[in-house]
Amino acid sequence: MATFSTAGACAETVRLDGAIAEQLARRPAAAGGAAIAGILKIPGDEEAVAAVRAMQQNFAGDVGVSAWNGLALARLVAPDGAALRRDLVAIVSAWSATPLPRLWLN
């Protein structure tokens, strides 16, 4: 069973137990993806959402993005960790006013 909960305004925990591979294979969970992540941008707005949606065709996995109450949230699902990392770097780069650390770009 997948459990999603929020703790405070900005933290989220995800815990998967049981038949995890079967859960991730289901379309509503991860559509067969093996790597998941979420990015929260504070402050976030429709401009941040538009920046991610403009890159939609370039993502290796699936990305959903929305904004509300001054927050923007992107949720990512990818076939593996390398694809997820590539998508994360693209979104964080688009949302950041400063360059990413070199370690992220290697």
Protein backbone atom coordinates (compact mmCIF):
# COMPACT_ATOMS: atom_id res chain seq x y z
CA MET A 1 0.00 0.00 0.00
CA ALA A 2 1.28 3.47 -0.83
CA THR A 3 0.93 6.04 1.92
CA PHE A 4 1.20 9.77 1.29
CA SER A 5 1.05 12.21 4.15
CA THR A 6 1.95 15.80 4.79
CA ALA A 7 3.74 17.02 7.88
CA GLY A 8 3.67 20.76 8.20
CA ALA A 9 3.29 23.02 5.20
CA CYS A 10 6.31 21.90 3.19
CA ALA A 11 7.23 18.32 4.07
CA GLU A 12 5.88 15.11 2.63
CA THR A 13 6.67 11.50 3.35
CA VAL A 14 6.08 8.59 1.02
CA ARG A 15 6.20 5.04 2.27
CA LEU A 16 5.74 2.01 0.03
CA ASP A 17 5.27 -1.44 1.48
CA GLY A 18 3.92 -4.77 0.37
CA ALA A 19 4.07 -5.59 -3.33
CA ILE A 20 5.95 -2.44 -4.32
CA ALA A 21 6.75 -3.52 -7.90
CA GLU A 22 3.06 -4.25 -8.51
CA GLN A 23 2.05 -0.88 -7.07
CA LEU A 24 4.57 1.04 -9.19
CA ALA A 25 3.41 -0.83 -12.31
CA ARG A 26 -0.15 0.55 -11.93
CA ARG A 27 -0.86 3.67 -13.98
CA PRO A 28 -2.18 5.81 -11.07
CA ALA A 29 0.94 5.10 -8.99
CA ALA A 30 3.94 5.25 -11.33
CA ALA A 31 2.92 3.61 -14.63
CA GLY A 32 5.86 1.21 -14.37
CA GLY A 33 8.36 3.85 -13.33
CA ALA A 34 10.96 2.87 -10.76
CA ALA A 35 11.99 6.33 -9.55
CA ILE A 36 9.79 9.05 -8.07
CA ALA A 37 10.43 12.55 -6.74
CA GLY A 38 8.75 15.80 -5.88
CA ILE A 39 10.07 19.37 -6.04
CA LEU A 40 8.45 22.20 -4.11
CA LYS A 41 9.17 25.81 -5.13
CA ILE A 42 8.45 28.55 -2.62
CA PRO A 43 7.40 31.05 -3.77
CA GLY A 44 5.86 29.43 -6.81
CA ASP A 45 3.36 30.65 -9.36
CA GLU A 46 1.89 29.99 -12.79
CA GLU A 47 5.10 31.29 -14.39
CA ALA A 48 7.01 28.43 -12.72
CA VAL A 49 4.37 25.97 -13.94
CA ALA A 50 4.62 27.34 -17.49
CA ALA A 51 8.42 26.95 -17.45
CA VAL A 52 8.11 23.24 -16.65
CA ARG A 53 5.28 22.65 -19.10
CA ALA A 54 7.36 24.24 -21.86
CA MET A 55 9.94 21.47 -21.35
CA GLN A 56 7.36 18.65 -21.27
CA GLN A 57 8.48 17.06 -24.56
CA ASN A 58 12.08 16.77 -23.29
CA PHE A 59 11.45 14.79 -20.10
CA ALA A 60 12.56 11.17 -19.90
CA GLY A 61 9.69 10.38 -17.52
CA ASP A 62 6.31 11.83 -16.64
CA VAL A 63 6.05 15.19 -14.88
CA GLY A 64 3.00 16.83 -13.40
CA VAL A 65 3.18 20.42 -12.16
CA SER A 66 0.77 22.82 -10.47
CA ALA A 67 0.72 26.00 -8.43
CA TRP A 68 -1.52 27.22 -5.61
CA ASN A 69 -1.30 29.58 -2.63
CA GLY A 70 2.19 30.81 -3.59
CA LEU A 71 3.64 27.29 -4.01
CA ALA A 72 4.59 25.33 -7.12
CA LEU A 73 4.93 21.55 -7.00
CA ALA A 74 6.36 19.21 -9.61
CA ARG A 75 5.94 15.45 -9.24
CA LEU A 76 8.16 13.21 -11.31
CA VAL A 77 8.10 9.53 -12.27
CA ALA A 78 10.86 8.02 -14.40
CA PRO A 79 11.92 4.57 -15.57
CA ASP A 80 15.17 4.71 -13.56
CA GLY A 81 17.32 6.93 -11.36
CA ALA A 82 19.39 8.34 -14.23
CA ALA A 83 16.30 9.50 -16.13
CA LEU A 84 14.83 10.96 -12.94
CA ARG A 85 18.06 12.85 -12.23
CA ARG A 86 18.06 14.32 -15.74
CA ASP A 87 14.49 15.56 -15.32
CA LEU A 88 15.22 16.91 -11.82
CA VAL A 89 18.24 18.87 -13.08
CA ALA A 90 16.14 20.38 -15.88
CA ILE A 91 13.38 21.54 -13.53
CA VAL A 92 15.67 22.80 -10.76
CA SER A 93 17.68 24.70 -13.38
CA ALA A 94 14.54 26.28 -14.79
CA TRP A 95 13.31 27.27 -11.33
CA SER A 96 16.63 28.52 -9.94
CA ALA A 97 18.09 31.99 -10.35
CA THR A 98 21.58 30.64 -9.65
CA PRO A 99 23.55 27.94 -11.47
CA LEU A 100 23.41 24.43 -10.06
CA PRO A 101 26.47 23.13 -8.21
CA ARG A 102 28.97 21.38 -10.50
CA LEU A 103 28.32 18.11 -8.68
CA TRP A 104 24.75 18.13 -10.02
CA LEU A 105 25.98 18.62 -13.57
CA ASN A 106 28.53 15.76 -13.70
